[in-house]
Structures are given as structure tokens and as C-alpha cells.
Amino acid sequence: MFTGCSHTASPFRIGGKWTPKIIRCLEPGPRRFSELEVPLRGITPKVLTETLRSMERDGLITRTVGDGVPPRVDYELSALGRTLLGPMAACCAWAATHLPELADAREAYGSDAT
């Protein structure tokens, strides 16, 4: 279906504001919706719901509904979702290594723009 990652037909979105944070929150294991809201301060329930649905549609997470009233719903990284942990760690390591250079470039850009 997808023959590449063109700017118009990316198979899924991991570069959004919340998706990488949700992946990190689910890295240790399954969590309930309310357990995701705590570390994701600032996300609205609507946006969290939309993002979780999108991630489930893309196969990055699984949603399990358990017994009980109300039913217990757990979200967990799928095997596919777990494959993103390595590339995300590499991006974080790169950023940590090059943060001074990034800060210098931004400062130089800001002083040139004035």
C-alpha cells in the first residue's frame, strides 16, 4: 500500500506532539486512560482519545477491554509500536549530544534576524 514516505502519504504519524510521549509512557507496560493523563499534563481527554485511536489504527498500540463496571481499558504498545523505541532513543541521544550546537545555531539565527 505504501511504497515510501512521501510528504503526502506517510503511513503513520510519530512526529506529532503527543504520539512520542504516549509511546514513552507505554514503554514500561500497559496503562489505563487515567494513568496516561497524569504524565501527559496538558493533553485534553479529547486529544488523548483521538491520538490513542490513531495509534491503534496504525497498529502501534493495542486496546484491551476487561471485565468490570465500568470496564477496565488498558493500552499497551504492540510489537510494531515497540520497534519505535530504538529509533526514538537514537534521536534523543543525538539531541543530547548536539544540544549545544543547536542552541548556538538558534542564537546566531536570532541575532542575524534582528
PDB file of N, CA and C in Angstrom:
ATOM      1  N   MET A   1       0.817  -1.195   0.000  1.00  0.00           N
ATOM      2  CA  MET A   1       0.000   0.000   0.000  1.00  0.00           C
ATOM      3  C   MET A   1       0.859   1.256   0.000  1.00  0.00           C
ATOM      4  N   PHE A   2       1.848   1.334   0.901  1.00  0.00           N
ATOM      5  CA  PHE A   2       2.736   2.487   0.949  1.00  0.00           C
ATOM      6  C   PHE A   2       4.067   2.092   0.337  1.00  0.00           C
ATOM      7  N   THR A   3       4.474   2.822  -0.676  1.00  0.00           N
ATOM      8  CA  THR A   3       5.734   2.498  -1.335  1.00  0.00           C
ATOM      9  C   THR A   3       6.859   3.397  -0.872  1.00  0.00           C
ATOM     10  N   GLY A   4       6.588   4.302   0.001  1.00  0.00           N
ATOM     11  CA  GLY A   4       7.598   5.206   0.519  1.00  0.00           C
ATOM     12  C   GLY A   4       6.961   6.164   1.484  1.00  0.00           C
ATOM     13  N   CYS A   5       7.719   7.071   1.983  1.00  0.00           N
ATOM     14  CA  CYS A   5       7.191   8.054   2.929  1.00  0.00           C
ATOM     15  C   CYS A   5       7.216   9.432   2.297  1.00  0.00           C
ATOM     16  N   SER A   6       6.372   9.628   1.318  1.00  0.00           N
ATOM     17  CA  SER A   6       6.277  10.957   0.732  1.00  0.00           C
ATOM     18  C   SER A   6       5.641  11.893   1.749  1.00  0.00           C
ATOM     19  N   HIS A   7       5.746  13.146   1.502  1.00  0.00           N
ATOM     20  CA  HIS A   7       5.181  14.122   2.430  1.00  0.00           C
ATOM     21  C   HIS A   7       3.657  14.080   2.458  1.00  0.00           C
ATOM     22  N   THR A   8       3.039  13.425   1.488  1.00  0.00           N
ATOM     23  CA  THR A   8       1.579  13.382   1.454  1.00  0.00           C
ATOM     24  C   THR A   8       0.993  12.044   1.871  1.00  0.00           C
ATOM     25  N   ALA A   9       1.813  10.989   1.931  1.00  0.00           N
ATOM     26  CA  ALA A   9       1.260   9.662   2.209  1.00  0.00           C
ATOM     27  C   ALA A   9       2.060   8.901   3.257  1.00  0.00           C
ATOM     28  N   SER A  10       2.440   9.559   4.319  1.00  0.00           N
ATOM     29  CA  SER A  10       3.161   8.863   5.375  1.00  0.00           C
ATOM     30  C   SER A  10       2.238   7.821   5.999  1.00  0.00           C
ATOM     31  N   PRO A  11       2.732   6.592   6.242  1.00  0.00           N
ATOM     32  CA  PRO A  11       1.855   5.540   6.754  1.00  0.00           C
ATOM     33  C   PRO A  11       1.348   5.793   8.167  1.00  0.00           C
ATOM     34  N   PHE A  12       2.061   6.533   8.965  1.00  0.00           N
ATOM     35  CA  PHE A  12       1.583   6.897  10.293  1.00  0.00           C
ATOM     36  C   PHE A  12       2.334   8.120  10.765  1.00  0.00           C
ATOM     37  N   ARG A  13       1.819   8.720  11.800  1.00  0.00           N
ATOM     38  CA  ARG A  13       2.402   9.957  12.293  1.00  0.00           C
ATOM     39  C   ARG A  13       3.039   9.725  13.655  1.00  0.00           C
ATOM     40  N   ILE A  14       4.367   9.750  13.706  1.00  0.00           N
ATOM     41  CA  ILE A  14       5.036   9.634  15.002  1.00  0.00           C
ATOM     42  C   ILE A  14       5.685  10.948  15.388  1.00  0.00           C
ATOM     43  N   GLY A  15       5.608  11.924  14.512  1.00  0.00           N
ATOM     44  CA  GLY A  15       6.253  13.191  14.786  1.00  0.00           C
ATOM     45  C   GLY A  15       5.340  14.212  15.436  1.00  0.00           C
ATOM     46  N   GLY A  16       4.114  13.839  15.739  1.00  0.00           N
ATOM     47  CA  GLY A  16       3.204  14.771  16.382  1.00  0.00           C
ATOM     48  C   GLY A  16       3.640  15.083  17.802  1.00  0.00           C
ATOM     49  N   LYS A  17       2.942  15.960  18.418  1.00  0.00           N
ATOM     50  CA  LYS A  17       3.292  16.391  19.765  1.00  0.00           C
ATOM     51  C   LYS A  17       3.098  15.277  20.788  1.00  0.00           C
ATOM     52  N   TRP A  18       2.024  14.511  20.675  1.00  0.00           N
ATOM     53  CA  TRP A  18       1.663  13.566  21.737  1.00  0.00           C
ATOM     54  C   TRP A  18       2.065  12.129  21.472  1.00  0.00           C
ATOM     55  N   THR A  19       2.143  11.695  20.241  1.00  0.00           N
ATOM     56  CA  THR A  19       2.424  10.294  19.949  1.00  0.00           C
ATOM     57  C   THR A  19       3.733   9.808  20.569  1.00  0.00           C
ATOM     58  N   PRO A  20       4.854  10.522  20.394  1.00  0.00           N
ATOM     59  CA  PRO A  20       6.094  10.044  21.023  1.00  0.00           C
ATOM     60  C   PRO A  20       6.001  10.007  22.559  1.00  0.00           C
ATOM     61  N   LYS A  21       5.286  10.962  23.129  1.00  0.00           N
ATOM     62  CA  LYS A  21       5.138  10.980  24.590  1.00  0.00           C
ATOM     63  C   LYS A  21       4.309   9.800  25.067  1.00  0.00           C
ATOM     64  N   ILE A  22       3.273   9.451  24.322  1.00  0.00           N
ATOM     65  CA  ILE A  22       2.450   8.296  24.669  1.00  0.00           C
ATOM     66  C   ILE A  22       3.278   7.012  24.539  1.00  0.00           C
ATOM     67  N   ILE A  23       4.078   6.921  23.496  1.00  0.00           N
ATOM     68  CA  ILE A  23       4.939   5.752  23.326  1.00  0.00           C
ATOM     69  C   ILE A  23       5.849   5.600  24.539  1.00  0.00           C
ATOM     70  N   ARG A  24       6.452   6.696  24.980  1.00  0.00           N
ATOM     71  CA  ARG A  24       7.324   6.649  26.167  1.00  0.00           C
ATOM     72  C   ARG A  24       6.541   6.249  27.414  1.00  0.00           C
ATOM     73  N   CYS A  25       5.330   6.746  27.564  1.00  0.00           N
ATOM     74  CA  CYS A  25       4.505   6.398  28.727  1.00  0.00           C
ATOM     75  C   CYS A  25       4.131   4.922  28.737  1.00  0.00           C
ATOM     76  N   LEU A  26       3.989   4.328  27.564  1.00  0.00           N
ATOM     77  CA  LEU A  26       3.603   2.924  27.477  1.00  0.00           C
ATOM     78  C   LEU A  26       4.798   1.974  27.422  1.00  0.00           C
ATOM     79  N   GLU A  27       5.993   2.530  27.368  1.00  0.00           N
ATOM     80  CA  GLU A  27       7.196   1.697  27.282  1.00  0.00           C
ATOM     81  C   GLU A  27       7.302   0.673  28.423  1.00  0.00           C
ATOM     82  N   PRO A  28       7.036   1.061  29.685  1.00  0.00           N
ATOM     83  CA  PRO A  28       7.163   0.081  30.771  1.00  0.00           C
ATOM     84  C   PRO A  28       6.071  -0.997  30.771  1.00  0.00           C
ATOM     85  N   GLY A  29       4.936  -0.713  30.160  1.00  0.00           N
ATOM     86  CA  GLY A  29       3.858  -1.696  30.135  1.00  0.00           C
ATOM     87  C   GLY A  29       2.507  -1.030  29.993  1.00  0.00           C
ATOM     88  N   PRO A  30       1.429  -1.834  30.095  1.00  0.00           N
ATOM     89  CA  PRO A  30       0.082  -1.304  29.881  1.00  0.00           C
ATOM     90  C   PRO A  30      -0.303  -0.243  30.904  1.00  0.00           C
ATOM     91  N   ARG A  31      -1.133   0.694  30.440  1.00  0.00           N
ATOM     92  CA  ARG A  31      -1.658   1.742  31.314  1.00  0.00           C
ATOM     93  C   ARG A  31      -3.096   2.036  30.935  1.00  0.00           C
ATOM     94  N   ARG A  32      -3.838   2.491  31.926  1.00  0.00           N
ATOM     95  CA  ARG A  32      -5.211   2.920  31.698  1.00  0.00           C
ATOM     96  C   ARG A  32      -5.204   4.364  31.217  1.00  0.00           C
ATOM     97  N   PHE A  33      -6.339   4.779  30.670  1.00  0.00           N
ATOM     98  CA  PHE A  33      -6.500   6.145  30.156  1.00  0.00           C
ATOM     99  C   PHE A  33      -6.124   7.158  31.233  1.00  0.00           C
ATOM    100  N   SER A  34      -6.677   6.990  32.436  1.00  0.00           N
ATOM    101  CA  SER A  34      -6.422   7.949  33.520  1.00  0.00           C
ATOM    102  C   SER A  34      -4.956   7.930  33.951  1.00  0.00           C
ATOM    103  N   GLU A  35      -4.288   6.790  33.785  1.00  0.00           N
ATOM    104  CA  GLU A  35      -2.866   6.713  34.121  1.00  0.00           C
ATOM    105  C   GLU A  35      -2.003   7.414  33.077  1.00  0.00           C
ATOM    106  N   LEU A  36      -2.522   7.577  31.877  1.00  0.00           N
ATOM    107  CA  LEU A  36      -1.802   8.318  30.842  1.00  0.00           C
ATOM    108  C   LEU A  36      -1.965   9.823  31.011  1.00  0.00           C
ATOM    109  N   GLU A  37      -3.107  10.234  31.540  1.00  0.00           N
ATOM    110  CA  GLU A  37      -3.368  11.669  31.697  1.00  0.00           C
ATOM    111  C   GLU A  37      -2.399  12.327  32.674  1.00  0.00           C
ATOM    112  N   VAL A  38      -1.942  11.581  33.684  1.00  0.00           N
ATOM    113  CA  VAL A  38      -1.075  12.170  34.724  1.00  0.00           C
ATOM    114  C   VAL A  38       0.266  12.628  34.139  1.00  0.00           C
ATOM    115  N   PRO A  39       1.036  11.750  33.480  1.00  0.00           N
ATOM    116  CA  PRO A  39       2.321  12.227  32.954  1.00  0.00           C
ATOM    117  C   PRO A  39       2.183  13.119  31.718  1.00  0.00           C
ATOM    118  N   LEU A  40       1.025  13.069  31.069  1.00  0.00           N
ATOM    119  CA  LEU A  40       0.803  13.874  29.870  1.00  0.00           C
ATOM    120  C   LEU A  40       0.040  15.156  30.210  1.00  0.00           C
ATOM    121  N   ARG A  41       0.483  15.823  31.243  1.00  0.00           N
ATOM    122  CA  ARG A  41      -0.174  17.072  31.655  1.00  0.00           C
ATOM    123  C   ARG A  41      -0.336  17.993  30.447  1.00  0.00           C
ATOM    124  N   GLY A  42      -1.498  18.566  30.337  1.00  0.00           N
ATOM    125  CA  GLY A  42      -1.749  19.496  29.243  1.00  0.00           C
ATOM    126  C   GLY A  42      -2.530  18.888  28.091  1.00  0.00           C
ATOM    127  N   ILE A  43      -2.596  17.579  28.006  1.00  0.00           N
ATOM    128  CA  ILE A  43      -3.377  16.971  26.931  1.00  0.00           C
ATOM    129  C   ILE A  43      -4.841  16.921  27.362  1.00  0.00           C
ATOM    130  N   THR A  44      -5.723  17.253  26.460  1.00  0.00           N
ATOM    131  CA  THR A  44      -7.145  17.180  26.781  1.00  0.00           C
ATOM    132  C   THR A  44      -7.619  15.744  26.588  1.00  0.00           C
ATOM    133  N   PRO A  45      -8.675  15.338  27.280  1.00  0.00           N
ATOM    134  CA  PRO A  45      -9.203  13.985  27.067  1.00  0.00           C
ATOM    135  C   PRO A  45      -9.557  13.717  25.606  1.00  0.00           C
ATOM    136  N   LYS A  46     -10.077  14.734  24.924  1.00  0.00           N
ATOM    137  CA  LYS A  46     -10.433  14.569  23.506  1.00  0.00           C
ATOM    138  C   LYS A  46      -9.204  14.270  22.655  1.00  0.00           C
ATOM    139  N   VAL A  47      -8.141  15.025  22.857  1.00  0.00           N
ATOM    140  CA  VAL A  47      -6.923  14.823  22.068  1.00  0.00           C
ATOM    141  C   VAL A  47      -6.269  13.485  22.419  1.00  0.00           C
ATOM    142  N   LEU A  48      -6.285  13.118  23.701  1.00  0.00           N
ATOM    143  CA  LEU A  48      -5.730  11.821  24.091  1.00  0.00           C
ATOM    144  C   LEU A  48      -6.509  10.692  23.421  1.00  0.00           C
ATOM    145  N   THR A  49      -7.831  10.785  23.440  1.00  0.00           N
ATOM    146  CA  THR A  49      -8.673   9.769  22.801  1.00  0.00           C
ATOM    147  C   THR A  49      -8.376   9.688  21.305  1.00  0.00           C
ATOM    148  N   GLU A  50      -8.315  10.830  20.638  1.00  0.00           N
ATOM    149  CA  GLU A  50      -8.041  10.847  19.196  1.00  0.00           C
ATOM    150  C   GLU A  50      -6.672  10.259  18.883  1.00  0.00           C
ATOM    151  N   THR A  51      -5.679  10.600  19.691  1.00  0.00           N
ATOM    152  CA  THR A  51      -4.321  10.114  19.451  1.00  0.00           C
ATOM    153  C   THR A  51      -4.235   8.612  19.688  1.00  0.00           C
ATOM    154  N   LEU A  52      -4.860   8.132  20.761  1.00  0.00           N
ATOM    155  CA  LEU A  52      -4.865   6.694  21.032  1.00  0.00           C
ATOM    156  C   LEU A  52      -5.568   5.932  19.908  1.00  0.00           C
ATOM    157  N   ARG A  53      -6.677   6.454  19.418  1.00  0.00           N
ATOM    158  CA  ARG A  53      -7.387   5.798  18.309  1.00  0.00           C
ATOM    159  C   ARG A  53      -6.527   5.753  17.054  1.00  0.00           C
ATOM    160  N   SER A  54      -5.853   6.850  16.774  1.00  0.00           N
ATOM    161  CA  SER A  54      -4.975   6.906  15.608  1.00  0.00           C
ATOM    162  C   SER A  54      -3.830   5.904  15.742  1.00  0.00           C
ATOM    163  N   MET A  55      -3.259   5.833  16.933  1.00  0.00           N
ATOM    164  CA  MET A  55      -2.156   4.897  17.167  1.00  0.00           C
ATOM    165  C   MET A  55      -2.641   3.448  17.072  1.00  0.00           C
ATOM    166  N   GLU A  56      -3.845   3.193  17.567  1.00  0.00           N
ATOM    167  CA  GLU A  56      -4.414   1.842  17.459  1.00  0.00           C
ATOM    168  C   GLU A  56      -4.679   1.489  15.996  1.00  0.00           C
ATOM    169  N   ARG A  57      -5.225   2.441  15.249  1.00  0.00           N
ATOM    170  CA  ARG A  57      -5.488   2.234  13.819  1.00  0.00           C
ATOM    171  C   ARG A  57      -4.196   1.909  13.069  1.00  0.00           C
ATOM    172  N   ASP A  58      -3.102   2.572  13.449  1.00  0.00           N
ATOM    173  CA  ASP A  58      -1.814   2.361  12.793  1.00  0.00           C
ATOM    174  C   ASP A  58      -1.092   1.117  13.298  1.00  0.00           C
ATOM    175  N   GLY A  59      -1.670   0.441  14.297  1.00  0.00           N
ATOM    176  CA  GLY A  59      -1.060  -0.783  14.806  1.00  0.00           C
ATOM    177  C   GLY A  59       0.046  -0.569  15.815  1.00  0.00           C
ATOM    178  N   LEU A  60       0.169   0.653  16.342  1.00  0.00           N
ATOM    179  CA  LEU A  60       1.240   0.953  17.292  1.00  0.00           C
ATOM    180  C   LEU A  60       0.893   0.548  18.718  1.00  0.00           C
ATOM    181  N   ILE A  61      -0.401   0.512  19.030  1.00  0.00           N
ATOM    182  CA  ILE A  61      -0.837   0.119  20.366  1.00  0.00           C
ATOM    183  C   ILE A  61      -1.997  -0.863  20.248  1.00  0.00           C
ATOM    184  N   THR A  62      -2.224  -1.575  21.354  1.00  0.00           N
ATOM    185  CA  THR A  62      -3.411  -2.417  21.448  1.00  0.00           C
ATOM    186  C   THR A  62      -4.272  -1.873  22.572  1.00  0.00           C
ATOM    187  N   ARG A  63      -5.561  -2.070  22.421  1.00  0.00           N
ATOM    188  CA  ARG A  63      -6.549  -1.628  23.416  1.00  0.00           C
ATOM    189  C   ARG A  63      -7.280  -2.874  23.883  1.00  0.00           C
ATOM    190  N   THR A  64      -7.211  -3.127  25.188  1.00  0.00           N
ATOM    191  CA  THR A  64      -7.840  -4.321  25.758  1.00  0.00           C
ATOM    192  C   THR A  64      -8.911  -3.896  26.740  1.00  0.00           C
ATOM    193  N   VAL A  65     -10.134  -4.376  26.519  1.00  0.00           N
ATOM    194  CA  VAL A  65     -11.251  -4.072  27.408  1.00  0.00           C
ATOM    195  C   VAL A  65     -11.460  -5.270  28.318  1.00  0.00           C
ATOM    196  N   GLY A  66     -11.385  -5.023  29.640  1.00  0.00           N
ATOM    197  CA  GLY A  66     -11.555  -6.089  30.613  1.00  0.00           C
ATOM    198  C   GLY A  66     -12.925  -6.055  31.256  1.00  0.00           C
ATOM    199  N   ASP A  67     -13.148  -7.022  32.134  1.00  0.00           N
ATOM    200  CA  ASP A  67     -14.417  -7.105  32.858  1.00  0.00           C
ATOM    201  C   ASP A  67     -14.501  -5.999  33.900  1.00  0.00           C
ATOM    202  N   GLY A  68     -15.700  -5.762  34.365  1.00  0.00           N
ATOM    203  CA  GLY A  68     -15.905  -4.791  35.430  1.00  0.00           C
ATOM    204  C   GLY A  68     -16.894  -3.731  35.033  1.00  0.00           C
ATOM    205  N   VAL A  69     -17.308  -2.987  36.029  1.00  0.00           N
ATOM    206  CA  VAL A  69     -18.210  -1.864  35.808  1.00  0.00           C
ATOM    207  C   VAL A  69     -17.602  -0.663  36.520  1.00  0.00           C
ATOM    208  N   PRO A  70     -17.144   0.342  35.827  1.00  0.00           N
ATOM    209  CA  PRO A  70     -17.033   0.391  34.365  1.00  0.00           C
ATOM    210  C   PRO A  70     -15.949  -0.576  33.876  1.00  0.00           C
ATOM    211  N   PRO A  71     -15.988  -0.927  32.592  1.00  0.00           N
ATOM    212  CA  PRO A  71     -14.981  -1.853  32.076  1.00  0.00           C
ATOM    213  C   PRO A  71     -13.577  -1.275  32.180  1.00  0.00           C
ATOM    214  N   ARG A  72     -12.624  -2.113  32.510  1.00  0.00           N
ATOM    215  CA  ARG A  72     -11.224  -1.688  32.573  1.00  0.00           C
ATOM    216  C   ARG A  72     -10.655  -1.713  31.158  1.00  0.00           C
ATOM    217  N   VAL A  73     -10.102  -0.593  30.721  1.00  0.00           N
ATOM    218  CA  VAL A  73      -9.496  -0.497  29.392  1.00  0.00           C
ATOM    219  C   VAL A  73      -8.014  -0.212  29.575  1.00  0.00           C
ATOM    220  N   ASP A  74      -7.194  -1.064  28.999  1.00  0.00           N
ATOM    221  CA  ASP A  74      -5.736  -0.900  29.053  1.00  0.00           C
ATOM    222  C   ASP A  74      -5.194  -0.658  27.654  1.00  0.00           C
ATOM    223  N   TYR A  75      -4.200   0.208  27.584  1.00  0.00           N
ATOM    224  CA  TYR A  75      -3.489   0.493  26.345  1.00  0.00           C
ATOM    225  C   TYR A  75      -2.067   0.000  26.509  1.00  0.00           C
ATOM    226  N   GLU A  76      -1.546  -0.623  25.445  1.00  0.00           N
ATOM    227  CA  GLU A  76      -0.202  -1.193  25.506  1.00  0.00           C
ATOM    228  C   GLU A  76       0.461  -1.072  24.146  1.00  0.00           C
ATOM    229  N   LEU A  77       1.767  -0.886  24.136  1.00  0.00           N
ATOM    230  CA  LEU A  77       2.487  -0.871  22.866  1.00  0.00           C
ATOM    231  C   LEU A  77       2.394  -2.243  22.217  1.00  0.00           C
ATOM    232  N   SER A  78       2.141  -2.260  20.934  1.00  0.00           N
ATOM    233  CA  SER A  78       2.161  -3.508  20.172  1.00  0.00           C
ATOM    234  C   SER A  78       3.614  -3.837  19.840  1.00  0.00           C
ATOM    235  N   ALA A  79       3.820  -4.999  19.245  1.00  0.00           N
ATOM    236  CA  ALA A  79       5.176  -5.356  18.801  1.00  0.00           C
ATOM    237  C   ALA A  79       5.683  -4.314  17.801  1.00  0.00           C
ATOM    238  N   LEU A  80       4.800  -3.859  16.922  1.00  0.00           N
ATOM    239  CA  LEU A  80       5.177  -2.827  15.956  1.00  0.00           C
ATOM    240  C   LEU A  80       5.526  -1.526  16.668  1.00  0.00           C
ATOM    241  N   GLY A  81       4.718  -1.138  17.641  1.00  0.00           N
ATOM    242  CA  GLY A  81       4.995   0.084  18.397  1.00  0.00           C
ATOM    243  C   GLY A  81       6.326   0.025  19.125  1.00  0.00           C
ATOM    244  N   ARG A  82       6.676  -1.150  19.643  1.00  0.00           N
ATOM    245  CA  ARG A  82       7.950  -1.303  20.355  1.00  0.00           C
ATOM    246  C   ARG A  82       9.150  -1.121  19.430  1.00  0.00           C
ATOM    247  N   THR A  83       8.956  -1.342  18.127  1.00  0.00           N
ATOM    248  CA  THR A  83      10.081  -1.148  17.202  1.00  0.00           C
ATOM    249  C   THR A  83      10.477   0.321  17.085  1.00  0.00           C
ATOM    250  N   LEU A  84       9.617   1.226  17.553  1.00  0.00           N
ATOM    251  CA  LEU A  84       9.941   2.659  17.503  1.00  0.00           C
ATOM    252  C   LEU A  84      10.835   3.095  18.660  1.00  0.00           C
ATOM    253  N   LEU A  85      10.953   2.283  19.703  1.00  0.00           N
ATOM    254  CA  LEU A  85      11.738   2.678  20.875  1.00  0.00           C
ATOM    255  C   LEU A  85      13.213   2.894  20.529  1.00  0.00           C
ATOM    256  N   GLY A  86      13.778   2.040  19.695  1.00  0.00           N
ATOM    257  CA  GLY A  86      15.185   2.196  19.294  1.00  0.00           C
ATOM    258  C   GLY A  86      15.441   3.486  18.525  1.00  0.00           C
ATOM    259  N   PRO A  87      14.683   3.735  17.453  1.00  0.00           N
ATOM    260  CA  PRO A  87      14.882   4.991  16.723  1.00  0.00           C
ATOM    261  C   PRO A  87      14.627   6.233  17.588  1.00  0.00           C
ATOM    262  N   MET A  88      13.637   6.156  18.482  1.00  0.00           N
ATOM    263  CA  MET A  88      13.378   7.301  19.366  1.00  0.00           C
ATOM    264  C   MET A  88      14.543   7.522  20.317  1.00  0.00           C
ATOM    265  N   ALA A  89      15.124   6.447  20.832  1.00  0.00           N
ATOM    266  CA  ALA A  89      16.289   6.568  21.718  1.00  0.00           C
ATOM    267  C   ALA A  89      17.466   7.170  20.964  1.00  0.00           C
ATOM    268  N   ALA A  90      17.642   6.768  19.694  1.00  0.00           N
ATOM    269  CA  ALA A  90      18.725   7.328  18.882  1.00  0.00           C
ATOM    270  C   ALA A  90      18.528   8.830  18.670  1.00  0.00           C
ATOM    271  N   CYS A  91      17.296   9.253  18.427  1.00  0.00           N
ATOM    272  CA  CYS A  91      17.012  10.690  18.261  1.00  0.00           C
ATOM    273  C   CYS A  91      17.299  11.455  19.545  1.00  0.00           C
ATOM    274  N   CYS A  92      16.918  10.885  20.673  1.00  0.00           N
ATOM    275  CA  CYS A  92      17.178  11.535  21.960  1.00  0.00           C
ATOM    276  C   CYS A  92      18.677  11.643  22.219  1.00  0.00           C
ATOM    277  N   ALA A  93      19.423  10.586  21.909  1.00  0.00           N
ATOM    278  CA  ALA A  93      20.883  10.605  22.103  1.00  0.00           C
ATOM    279  C   ALA A  93      21.528  11.646  21.196  1.00  0.00           C
ATOM    280  N   TRP A  94      21.057  11.715  19.944  1.00  0.00           N
ATOM    281  CA  TRP A  94      21.593  12.715  19.019  1.00  0.00           C
ATOM    282  C   TRP A  94      21.343  14.118  19.547  1.00  0.00           C
ATOM    283  N   ALA A  95      20.118  14.365  20.006  1.00  0.00           N
ATOM    284  CA  ALA A  95      19.771  15.693  20.526  1.00  0.00           C
ATOM    285  C   ALA A  95      20.619  16.039  21.741  1.00  0.00           C
ATOM    286  N   ALA A  96      20.825  15.082  22.636  1.00  0.00           N
ATOM    287  CA  ALA A  96      21.637  15.342  23.824  1.00  0.00           C
ATOM    288  C   ALA A  96      23.078  15.669  23.439  1.00  0.00           C
ATOM    289  N   THR A  97      23.606  14.968  22.456  1.00  0.00           N
ATOM    290  CA  THR A  97      24.981  15.197  22.011  1.00  0.00           C
ATOM    291  C   THR A  97      25.134  16.558  21.336  1.00  0.00           C
ATOM    292  N   HIS A  98      24.141  16.952  20.560  1.00  0.00           N
ATOM    293  CA  HIS A  98      24.254  18.151  19.736  1.00  0.00           C
ATOM    294  C   HIS A  98      23.480  19.354  20.270  1.00  0.00           C
ATOM    295  N   LEU A  99      22.965  19.258  21.478  1.00  0.00           N
ATOM    296  CA  LEU A  99      22.195  20.369  22.040  1.00  0.00           C
ATOM    297  C   LEU A  99      22.980  21.679  22.074  1.00  0.00           C
ATOM    298  N   PRO A 100      24.257  21.679  22.479  1.00  0.00           N
ATOM    299  CA  PRO A 100      24.994  22.956  22.447  1.00  0.00           C
ATOM    300  C   PRO A 100      25.088  23.555  21.045  1.00  0.00           C
ATOM    301  N   GLU A 101      25.298  22.727  20.041  1.00  0.00           N
ATOM    302  CA  GLU A 101      25.371  23.221  18.665  1.00  0.00           C
ATOM    303  C   GLU A 101      24.028  23.783  18.210  1.00  0.00           C
ATOM    304  N   LEU A 102      22.947  23.101  18.583  1.00  0.00           N
ATOM    305  CA  LEU A 102      21.612  23.581  18.246  1.00  0.00           C
ATOM    306  C   LEU A 102      21.346  24.936  18.895  1.00  0.00           C
ATOM    307  N   ALA A 103      21.709  25.058  20.172  1.00  0.00           N
ATOM    308  CA  ALA A 103      21.499  26.320  20.888  1.00  0.00           C
ATOM    309  C   ALA A 103      22.312  27.438  20.254  1.00  0.00           C
ATOM    310  N   ASP A 104      23.555  27.132  19.886  1.00  0.00           N
ATOM    311  CA  ASP A 104      24.398  28.143  19.229  1.00  0.00           C
ATOM    312  C   ASP A 104      23.804  28.575  17.892  1.00  0.00           C
ATOM    313  N   ALA A 105      23.314  27.613  17.108  1.00  0.00           N
ATOM    314  CA  ALA A 105      22.732  27.938  15.806  1.00  0.00           C
ATOM    315  C   ALA A 105      21.488  28.794  15.972  1.00  0.00           C
ATOM    316  N   ARG A 106      20.660  28.464  16.939  1.00  0.00           N
ATOM    317  CA  ARG A 106      19.450  29.253  17.166  1.00  0.00           C
ATOM    318  C   ARG A 106      19.778  30.653  17.638  1.00  0.00           C
ATOM    319  N   GLU A 107      20.784  30.756  18.480  1.00  0.00           N
ATOM    320  CA  GLU A 107      21.187  32.085  18.969  1.00  0.00           C
ATOM    321  C   GLU A 107      21.742  32.919  17.817  1.00  0.00           C
ATOM    322  N   ALA A 108      22.571  32.303  16.973  1.00  0.00           N
ATOM    323  CA  ALA A 108      23.150  33.021  15.826  1.00  0.00           C
ATOM    324  C   ALA A 108      22.039  33.434  14.854  1.00  0.00           C
ATOM    325  N   TYR A 109      21.080  32.576  14.638  1.00  0.00           N
ATOM    326  CA  TYR A 109      19.968  32.896  13.743  1.00  0.00           C
ATOM    327  C   TYR A 109      19.165  34.055  14.287  1.00  0.00           C
ATOM    328  N   GLY A 110      18.898  34.024  15.597  1.00  0.00           N
ATOM    329  CA  GLY A 110      18.127  35.084  16.228  1.00  0.00           C
ATOM    330  C   GLY A 110      18.835  36.432  16.156  1.00  0.00           C
ATOM    331  N   SER A 111      20.153  36.424  16.303  1.00  0.00           N
ATOM    332  CA  SER A 111      20.873  37.698  16.245  1.00  0.00           C
ATOM    333  C   SER A 111      20.996  38.204  14.821  1.00  0.00           C
ATOM    334  N   ASP A 112      20.982  37.312  13.825  1.00  0.00           N
ATOM    335  CA  ASP A 112      21.031  37.723  12.416  1.00  0.00           C
ATOM    336  C   ASP A 112      19.693  38.283  11.955  1.00  0.00           C
ATOM    337  N   ALA A 113      18.607  37.806  12.577  1.00  0.00           N
ATOM    338  CA  ALA A 113      17.273  38.205  12.142  1.00  0.00           C
ATOM    339  C   ALA A 113      16.927  39.617  12.603  1.00  0.00           C
ATOM    340  N   THR A 114      17.647  40.151  13.563  1.00  0.00           N
ATOM    341  CA  THR A 114      17.312  41.500  14.058  1.00  0.00           C
ATOM    342  C   THR A 114      18.015  42.584  13.319  1.00  0.00           C
TER     343      THR A 114
END
